[in-house]
C-alpha atoms as a PDB file:
ATOM      1  CA  GLN A   1    -306.070 149.339 -58.695  1.00  0.00           C
ATOM      2  CA  VAL A   2    -305.585 149.560 -54.946  1.00  0.00           C
ATOM      3  CA  GLN A   3    -302.790 151.243 -53.016  1.00  0.00           C
ATOM      4  CA  LEU A   4    -302.032 150.359 -49.407  1.00  0.00           C
ATOM      5  CA  ALA A   5    -299.863 152.658 -47.282  1.00  0.00           C
ATOM      6  CA  GLU A   6    -298.636 151.269 -43.964  1.00  0.00           C
ATOM      7  CA  SER A   7    -297.154 153.117 -41.022  1.00  0.00           C
ATOM      8  CA  GLY A   8    -296.380 152.602 -37.356  1.00  0.00           C
ATOM      9  CA  GLY A   9    -293.637 149.994 -37.274  1.00  0.00           C
ATOM     10  CA  GLY A  10    -290.502 150.395 -35.218  1.00  0.00           C
ATOM     11  CA  LEU A  11    -288.378 149.092 -32.383  1.00  0.00           C
ATOM     12  CA  VAL A  12    -289.937 148.311 -29.021  1.00  0.00           C
ATOM     13  CA  GLN A  13    -288.940 146.382 -25.923  1.00  0.00           C
ATOM     14  CA  ALA A  14    -290.650 143.147 -24.995  1.00  0.00           C
ATOM     15  CA  GLY A  15    -293.912 143.854 -23.213  1.00  0.00           C
ATOM     16  CA  GLY A  16    -294.393 147.101 -25.078  1.00  0.00           C
ATOM     17  CA  SER A  17    -297.007 148.174 -27.600  1.00  0.00           C
ATOM     18  CA  LEU A  18    -297.184 149.414 -31.177  1.00  0.00           C
ATOM     19  CA  ARG A  19    -300.032 150.437 -33.426  1.00  0.00           C
ATOM     20  CA  LEU A  20    -299.874 149.812 -37.145  1.00  0.00           C
ATOM     21  CA  SER A  21    -302.028 151.705 -39.624  1.00  0.00           C
ATOM     22  CA  CYS A  22    -302.868 150.936 -43.239  1.00  0.00           C
ATOM     23  CA  ALA A  23    -304.664 153.436 -45.432  1.00  0.00           C
ATOM     24  CA  ALA A  24    -306.268 152.060 -48.572  1.00  0.00           C
ATOM     25  CA  SER A  25    -306.902 154.167 -51.656  1.00  0.00           C
ATOM     26  CA  GLY A  26    -308.008 153.633 -55.215  1.00  0.00           C
ATOM     27  CA  ASN A  27    -310.605 151.001 -56.099  1.00  0.00           C
ATOM     28  CA  VAL A  28    -311.684 150.341 -52.490  1.00  0.00           C
ATOM     29  CA  PHE A  29    -315.101 149.137 -51.371  1.00  0.00           C
ATOM     30  CA  SER A  30    -316.756 148.918 -47.965  1.00  0.00           C
ATOM     31  CA  THR A  31    -317.171 145.165 -48.491  1.00  0.00           C
ATOM     32  CA  ASP A  32    -313.433 144.528 -48.866  1.00  0.00           C
ATOM     33  CA  LEU A  33    -311.616 142.164 -46.534  1.00  0.00           C
ATOM     34  CA  MET A  34    -308.584 143.734 -44.900  1.00  0.00           C
ATOM     35  CA  GLY A  35    -305.921 142.226 -42.745  1.00  0.00           C
ATOM     36  CA  TRP A  36    -302.334 141.997 -41.591  1.00  0.00           C
ATOM     37  CA  PHE A  37    -299.769 139.347 -42.408  1.00  0.00           C
ATOM     38  CA  ARG A  38    -296.176 139.034 -41.256  1.00  0.00           C
ATOM     39  CA  GLN A  39    -293.038 137.441 -42.590  1.00  0.00           C
ATOM     40  CA  THR A  40    -289.573 136.644 -41.265  1.00  0.00           C
ATOM     41  CA  PRO A  41    -286.580 135.633 -43.402  1.00  0.00           C
ATOM     42  CA  GLY A  42    -286.857 132.124 -44.770  1.00  0.00           C
ATOM     43  CA  LYS A  43    -290.451 131.680 -43.678  1.00  0.00           C
ATOM     44  CA  ARG A  44    -293.792 131.936 -45.429  1.00  0.00           C
ATOM     45  CA  ARG A  45    -295.952 134.986 -44.978  1.00  0.00           C
ATOM     46  CA  GLU A  46    -298.548 134.204 -42.305  1.00  0.00           C
ATOM     47  CA  LEU A  47    -301.889 135.665 -41.369  1.00  0.00           C
ATOM     48  CA  VAL A  48    -301.882 137.743 -38.191  1.00  0.00           C
ATOM     49  CA  ALA A  49    -305.416 139.162 -38.197  1.00  0.00           C
ATOM     50  CA  ARG A  50    -308.230 139.866 -40.616  1.00  0.00           C
ATOM     51  CA  ILE A  51    -311.419 141.921 -40.479  1.00  0.00           C
ATOM     52  CA  SER A  52    -314.445 141.639 -42.717  1.00  0.00           C
ATOM     53  CA  SER A  53    -316.913 144.274 -43.856  1.00  0.00           C
ATOM     54  CA  GLY A  54    -319.240 143.204 -41.033  1.00  0.00           C
ATOM     55  CA  ASP A  55    -316.413 143.680 -38.538  1.00  0.00           C
ATOM     56  CA  GLY A  56    -315.995 139.954 -38.073  1.00  0.00           C
ATOM     57  CA  THR A  57    -312.413 139.217 -37.047  1.00  0.00           C
ATOM     58  CA  ASN A  58    -310.056 136.297 -36.897  1.00  0.00           C
ATOM     59  CA  TYR A  59    -306.599 136.058 -35.409  1.00  0.00           C
ATOM     60  CA  ALA A  60    -303.622 133.766 -35.457  1.00  0.00           C
ATOM     61  CA  ASP A  61    -303.515 131.726 -32.261  1.00  0.00           C
ATOM     62  CA  SER A  62    -300.137 133.232 -31.407  1.00  0.00           C
ATOM     63  CA  VAL A  63    -301.559 136.762 -31.131  1.00  0.00           C
ATOM     64  CA  LYS A  64    -305.011 136.156 -29.646  1.00  0.00           C
ATOM     65  CA  GLY A  65    -305.573 138.258 -26.563  1.00  0.00           C
ATOM     66  CA  ARG A  66    -302.631 140.540 -27.395  1.00  0.00           C
ATOM     67  CA  PHE A  67    -303.438 142.048 -30.810  1.00  0.00           C
ATOM     68  CA  THR A  68    -306.615 143.817 -31.911  1.00  0.00           C
ATOM     69  CA  ILE A  69    -307.583 144.629 -35.474  1.00  0.00           C
ATOM     70  CA  SER A  70    -310.034 147.425 -36.199  1.00  0.00           C
ATOM     71  CA  LYS A  71    -311.211 149.465 -39.151  1.00  0.00           C
ATOM     72  CA  ASP A  72    -312.351 153.009 -39.860  1.00  0.00           C
ATOM     73  CA  ASN A  73    -314.578 152.718 -42.917  1.00  0.00           C
ATOM     74  CA  ALA A  74    -314.785 156.486 -43.390  1.00  0.00           C
ATOM     75  CA  LYS A  75    -311.001 156.646 -43.748  1.00  0.00           C
ATOM     76  CA  ASN A  76    -310.540 153.271 -45.506  1.00  0.00           C
ATOM     77  CA  THR A  77    -307.979 152.531 -42.827  1.00  0.00           C
ATOM     78  CA  VAL A  78    -307.293 149.378 -40.865  1.00  0.00           C
ATOM     79  CA  TYR A  79    -305.343 149.311 -37.618  1.00  0.00           C
ATOM     80  CA  LEU A  80    -303.460 146.659 -35.694  1.00  0.00           C
ATOM     81  CA  GLN A  81    -303.003 147.393 -32.016  1.00  0.00           C
ATOM     82  CA  MET A  82    -300.207 145.162 -30.719  1.00  0.00           C
ATOM     83  CA  ASN A  83    -299.798 144.826 -26.958  1.00  0.00           C
ATOM     84  CA  SER A  84    -297.575 142.648 -24.799  1.00  0.00           C
ATOM     85  CA  LEU A  85    -295.169 142.286 -27.683  1.00  0.00           C
ATOM     86  CA  LYS A  86    -292.717 139.399 -27.672  1.00  0.00           C
ATOM     87  CA  PRO A  87    -289.392 138.970 -29.504  1.00  0.00           C
ATOM     88  CA  GLU A  88    -291.047 136.322 -31.667  1.00  0.00           C
ATOM     89  CA  ASP A  89    -293.391 139.012 -33.018  1.00  0.00           C
ATOM     90  CA  THR A  90    -290.407 140.521 -34.806  1.00  0.00           C
ATOM     91  CA  ALA A  91    -291.184 140.518 -38.539  1.00  0.00           C
ATOM     92  CA  VAL A  92    -292.091 142.622 -41.514  1.00  0.00           C
ATOM     93  CA  TYR A  93    -295.808 143.288 -41.285  1.00  0.00           C
ATOM     94  CA  TYR A  94    -297.820 143.601 -44.495  1.00  0.00           C
ATOM     95  CA  CYS A  95    -301.252 145.080 -44.978  1.00  0.00           C
ATOM     96  CA  ASN A  96    -303.559 143.021 -47.179  1.00  0.00           C
ATOM     97  CA  LEU A  97    -306.789 143.712 -49.039  1.00  0.00           C
ATOM     98  CA  GLN A  98    -309.078 141.375 -50.937  1.00  0.00           C
ATOM     99  CA  HIS A  99    -312.216 142.156 -52.851  1.00  0.00           C
ATOM    100  CA  PRO A 100    -314.849 139.613 -51.708  1.00  0.00           C
ATOM    101  CA  TRP A 101    -315.624 138.650 -55.313  1.00  0.00           C
ATOM    102  CA  ALA A 102    -311.963 137.858 -56.053  1.00  0.00           C
ATOM    103  CA  THR A 103    -310.351 136.424 -52.924  1.00  0.00           C
ATOM    104  CA  ASP A 104    -307.701 134.647 -54.975  1.00  0.00           C
ATOM    105  CA  TYR A 105    -306.136 138.030 -55.706  1.00  0.00           C
ATOM    106  CA  ASN A 106    -304.300 139.914 -52.983  1.00  0.00           C
ATOM    107  CA  TYR A 107    -303.235 143.521 -52.752  1.00  0.00           C
ATOM    108  CA  TRP A 108    -300.227 144.150 -50.516  1.00  0.00           C
ATOM    109  CA  GLY A 109    -298.634 147.109 -48.853  1.00  0.00           C
ATOM    110  CA  GLN A 110    -294.893 147.680 -48.946  1.00  0.00           C
ATOM    111  CA  GLY A 111    -294.405 146.263 -45.451  1.00  0.00           C
ATOM    112  CA  THR A 112    -293.314 147.813 -42.186  1.00  0.00           C
ATOM    113  CA  GLN A 113    -290.643 146.410 -39.889  1.00  0.00           C
ATOM    114  CA  VAL A 114    -291.539 145.563 -36.300  1.00  0.00           C
ATOM    115  CA  THR A 115    -288.633 144.655 -34.053  1.00  0.00           C
ATOM    116  CA  VAL A 116    -289.142 143.546 -30.457  1.00  0.00           C
ATOM    117  CA  SER A 117    -286.038 143.434 -28.301  1.00  0.00           C
ATOM    118  CA  SER A 118    -285.716 141.130 -25.306  1.00  0.00           C
END
């Protein structure tokens, strides 16, 4: 099993910054894919950013140039640095982990609320 513990959400004004952290524990491997998704009420959970074991990254178009995903393999922790935040970034942000041999199965964190005021 895998446990994901998120931190770093909160309330920030538009234009501000936040940094989310997600520490993975349990059955975690250096080859795992890790990422961040977000969800607002009534909408599907959407990919924000993902990072592979080789540090390859991909981002949603809406956050490119503003958000940066990074990973500390020694700590099994993934980060999401969010700059130039907009009210439309307001959502519950979820950490995600996939083992590369079973990408149809997702591990999720409990979610952390990010609220951006205008």
